[in-house]
N, C-alpha and C. Protein backbone atom coordinates (compact mmCIF):
# COMPACT_ATOMS: atom_id res chain seq x y z
N UNK A 1 13.41 38.06 -26.60
CA UNK A 1 14.79 38.48 -26.77
C UNK A 1 15.20 39.28 -25.52
N UNK A 2 16.29 38.86 -24.90
CA UNK A 2 16.75 39.60 -23.72
C UNK A 2 17.62 40.79 -24.14
N UNK A 3 18.02 41.58 -23.16
CA UNK A 3 18.78 42.80 -23.44
C UNK A 3 20.09 42.51 -24.17
N UNK A 4 20.81 41.48 -23.72
CA UNK A 4 22.09 41.14 -24.34
C UNK A 4 21.90 40.78 -25.81
N UNK A 5 20.92 39.95 -26.10
CA UNK A 5 20.66 39.54 -27.48
C UNK A 5 20.25 40.74 -28.33
N UNK A 6 19.45 41.62 -27.75
CA UNK A 6 18.99 42.80 -28.48
C UNK A 6 20.17 43.72 -28.82
N UNK A 7 21.06 43.95 -27.86
CA UNK A 7 22.24 44.79 -28.11
C UNK A 7 23.12 44.16 -29.18
N UNK A 8 23.38 42.86 -29.07
CA UNK A 8 24.20 42.17 -30.07
C UNK A 8 23.58 42.29 -31.46
N UNK A 9 22.28 42.11 -31.54
CA UNK A 9 21.57 42.22 -32.82
C UNK A 9 21.74 43.62 -33.41
N UNK A 10 21.57 44.64 -32.57
CA UNK A 10 21.70 46.01 -33.05
C UNK A 10 23.14 46.35 -33.45
N UNK A 11 24.12 45.78 -32.74
CA UNK A 11 25.52 45.99 -33.12
C UNK A 11 25.78 45.44 -34.52
N UNK A 12 25.32 44.23 -34.77
CA UNK A 12 25.50 43.61 -36.09
C UNK A 12 24.77 44.41 -37.15
N UNK A 13 23.53 44.77 -36.86
CA UNK A 13 22.70 45.51 -37.81
C UNK A 13 23.32 46.85 -38.18
N UNK A 14 23.99 47.49 -37.21
CA UNK A 14 24.58 48.80 -37.44
C UNK A 14 26.07 48.75 -37.73
N UNK A 15 26.60 47.53 -37.88
CA UNK A 15 28.00 47.31 -38.22
C UNK A 15 28.95 48.03 -37.26
N UNK A 16 28.67 47.89 -35.97
CA UNK A 16 29.52 48.46 -34.93
C UNK A 16 30.00 47.31 -34.04
N UNK A 17 31.28 47.30 -33.75
CA UNK A 17 31.82 46.25 -32.89
C UNK A 17 31.60 46.62 -31.42
N UNK A 18 31.69 45.63 -30.57
CA UNK A 18 31.58 45.87 -29.14
C UNK A 18 32.73 46.76 -28.68
N UNK A 19 33.89 46.60 -29.30
CA UNK A 19 35.05 47.43 -28.98
C UNK A 19 34.75 48.90 -29.27
N UNK A 20 34.16 49.16 -30.42
CA UNK A 20 33.81 50.53 -30.81
C UNK A 20 32.74 51.09 -29.88
N UNK A 21 31.78 50.28 -29.54
CA UNK A 21 30.72 50.71 -28.62
C UNK A 21 31.32 51.12 -27.27
N UNK A 22 32.22 50.30 -26.74
CA UNK A 22 32.87 50.60 -25.46
C UNK A 22 33.70 51.87 -25.55
N UNK A 23 34.38 52.06 -26.67
CA UNK A 23 35.18 53.27 -26.89
C UNK A 23 34.29 54.51 -26.86
N UNK A 24 33.18 54.44 -27.55
CA UNK A 24 32.26 55.59 -27.59
C UNK A 24 31.63 55.87 -26.22
N UNK A 25 31.29 54.80 -25.49
CA UNK A 25 30.74 54.99 -24.15
C UNK A 25 31.77 55.65 -23.25
N UNK A 26 33.02 55.19 -23.34
CA UNK A 26 34.09 55.75 -22.52
C UNK A 26 34.30 57.24 -22.82
N UNK A 27 34.24 57.59 -24.09
CA UNK A 27 34.42 58.99 -24.49
C UNK A 27 33.29 59.86 -23.95
N UNK A 28 32.08 59.35 -24.03
CA UNK A 28 30.92 60.15 -23.61
C UNK A 28 30.86 60.34 -22.11
N UNK A 29 31.25 59.32 -21.35
CA UNK A 29 31.09 59.37 -19.90
C UNK A 29 32.40 59.64 -19.14
N UNK A 30 33.50 59.75 -19.88
CA UNK A 30 34.81 59.93 -19.23
C UNK A 30 35.06 58.85 -18.18
N UNK A 31 34.69 57.64 -18.53
CA UNK A 31 34.84 56.48 -17.65
C UNK A 31 35.22 55.31 -18.54
N UNK A 32 36.15 54.49 -18.09
CA UNK A 32 36.60 53.37 -18.91
C UNK A 32 35.55 52.26 -18.98
N UNK A 33 35.13 51.94 -20.18
CA UNK A 33 34.25 50.80 -20.44
C UNK A 33 35.02 49.81 -21.31
N UNK A 34 35.01 48.55 -20.92
CA UNK A 34 35.68 47.51 -21.69
C UNK A 34 34.65 46.48 -22.14
N UNK A 35 35.05 45.66 -23.08
CA UNK A 35 34.17 44.58 -23.54
C UNK A 35 33.81 43.68 -22.36
N UNK A 36 34.81 43.35 -21.56
CA UNK A 36 34.58 42.49 -20.40
C UNK A 36 33.58 43.13 -19.44
N UNK A 37 33.72 44.42 -19.20
CA UNK A 37 32.85 45.16 -18.30
C UNK A 37 31.40 45.14 -18.78
N UNK A 38 31.18 45.52 -20.04
CA UNK A 38 29.83 45.57 -20.59
C UNK A 38 29.23 44.18 -20.73
N UNK A 39 30.01 43.23 -21.22
CA UNK A 39 29.51 41.86 -21.37
C UNK A 39 29.09 41.28 -20.03
N UNK A 40 29.89 41.53 -19.00
CA UNK A 40 29.56 41.04 -17.67
C UNK A 40 28.26 41.62 -17.16
N UNK A 41 28.07 42.92 -17.36
CA UNK A 41 26.83 43.57 -16.93
C UNK A 41 25.63 43.01 -17.68
N UNK A 42 25.80 42.77 -18.98
CA UNK A 42 24.70 42.21 -19.77
C UNK A 42 24.42 40.76 -19.36
N UNK A 43 25.46 39.98 -19.11
CA UNK A 43 25.27 38.58 -18.69
C UNK A 43 24.59 38.48 -17.33
N UNK A 44 24.98 39.35 -16.41
CA UNK A 44 24.41 39.33 -15.07
C UNK A 44 23.10 40.10 -14.97
N UNK A 45 22.76 40.82 -16.05
CA UNK A 45 21.57 41.66 -16.08
C UNK A 45 21.63 42.74 -14.99
N UNK A 46 22.82 43.34 -14.85
CA UNK A 46 23.02 44.39 -13.85
C UNK A 46 23.37 45.73 -14.47
N UNK A 47 23.13 45.86 -15.76
CA UNK A 47 23.45 47.11 -16.45
C UNK A 47 22.44 48.18 -16.04
N UNK A 48 22.92 49.39 -15.85
CA UNK A 48 22.07 50.50 -15.42
C UNK A 48 21.20 50.99 -16.58
N UNK A 49 20.05 51.53 -16.21
CA UNK A 49 19.14 52.11 -17.20
C UNK A 49 19.84 53.21 -17.99
N UNK A 50 20.62 54.04 -17.31
CA UNK A 50 21.34 55.14 -17.99
C UNK A 50 22.34 54.59 -19.01
N UNK A 51 22.96 53.45 -18.71
CA UNK A 51 23.90 52.84 -19.65
C UNK A 51 23.16 52.26 -20.85
N UNK A 52 22.01 51.67 -20.62
CA UNK A 52 21.19 51.15 -21.72
C UNK A 52 20.77 52.30 -22.64
N UNK A 53 20.32 53.41 -22.04
CA UNK A 53 19.93 54.58 -22.85
C UNK A 53 21.10 55.06 -23.69
N UNK A 54 22.29 55.10 -23.10
CA UNK A 54 23.47 55.54 -23.82
C UNK A 54 23.82 54.57 -24.95
N UNK A 55 23.74 53.27 -24.69
CA UNK A 55 24.00 52.26 -25.73
C UNK A 55 23.08 52.48 -26.92
N UNK A 56 21.80 52.64 -26.64
CA UNK A 56 20.84 52.85 -27.73
C UNK A 56 21.11 54.16 -28.47
N UNK A 57 21.47 55.20 -27.73
CA UNK A 57 21.77 56.49 -28.36
C UNK A 57 22.96 56.36 -29.30
N UNK A 58 24.01 55.70 -28.85
CA UNK A 58 25.19 55.49 -29.68
C UNK A 58 24.84 54.71 -30.94
N UNK A 59 23.93 53.76 -30.81
CA UNK A 59 23.52 52.95 -31.96
C UNK A 59 22.48 53.64 -32.84
N UNK A 60 22.05 54.85 -32.42
CA UNK A 60 21.11 55.62 -33.24
C UNK A 60 19.65 55.35 -32.93
N UNK A 61 19.37 54.87 -31.72
CA UNK A 61 18.00 54.59 -31.32
C UNK A 61 17.66 55.38 -30.07
N UNK A 62 16.37 55.54 -29.82
CA UNK A 62 15.95 56.16 -28.59
C UNK A 62 15.04 55.19 -27.84
N UNK A 63 15.12 55.24 -26.56
CA UNK A 63 14.31 54.36 -25.72
C UNK A 63 13.05 55.14 -25.34
N UNK A 64 11.90 54.62 -25.71
CA UNK A 64 10.64 55.31 -25.47
C UNK A 64 9.76 54.42 -24.60
N UNK A 65 9.24 55.02 -23.53
CA UNK A 65 8.30 54.31 -22.67
C UNK A 65 6.92 54.88 -22.92
N UNK A 66 5.97 53.98 -23.14
CA UNK A 66 4.59 54.38 -23.39
C UNK A 66 3.68 53.61 -22.45
N UNK A 67 2.64 54.26 -22.00
CA UNK A 67 1.64 53.59 -21.18
C UNK A 67 0.86 52.62 -22.06
N UNK A 68 0.63 51.43 -21.53
CA UNK A 68 -0.14 50.44 -22.27
C UNK A 68 -1.57 50.91 -22.45
N UNK A 69 -2.14 50.52 -23.54
CA UNK A 69 -3.54 50.92 -23.80
C UNK A 69 -4.46 49.76 -23.61
């Protein structure tokens, strides 16, 4: 599952629209985020790590990195 599919899955699972997600991102960062903007970044795989962390935070998840065992 790629990043775009994972975000879409989590949006559906948490009953949040892409519009609402963009609105919340814009509020948190004081920067305009649109559906076109976020979709383009996900399609091109050019979304920043900080934006991914924020997306997950808004959806109620945390991104955890662990060393492989």
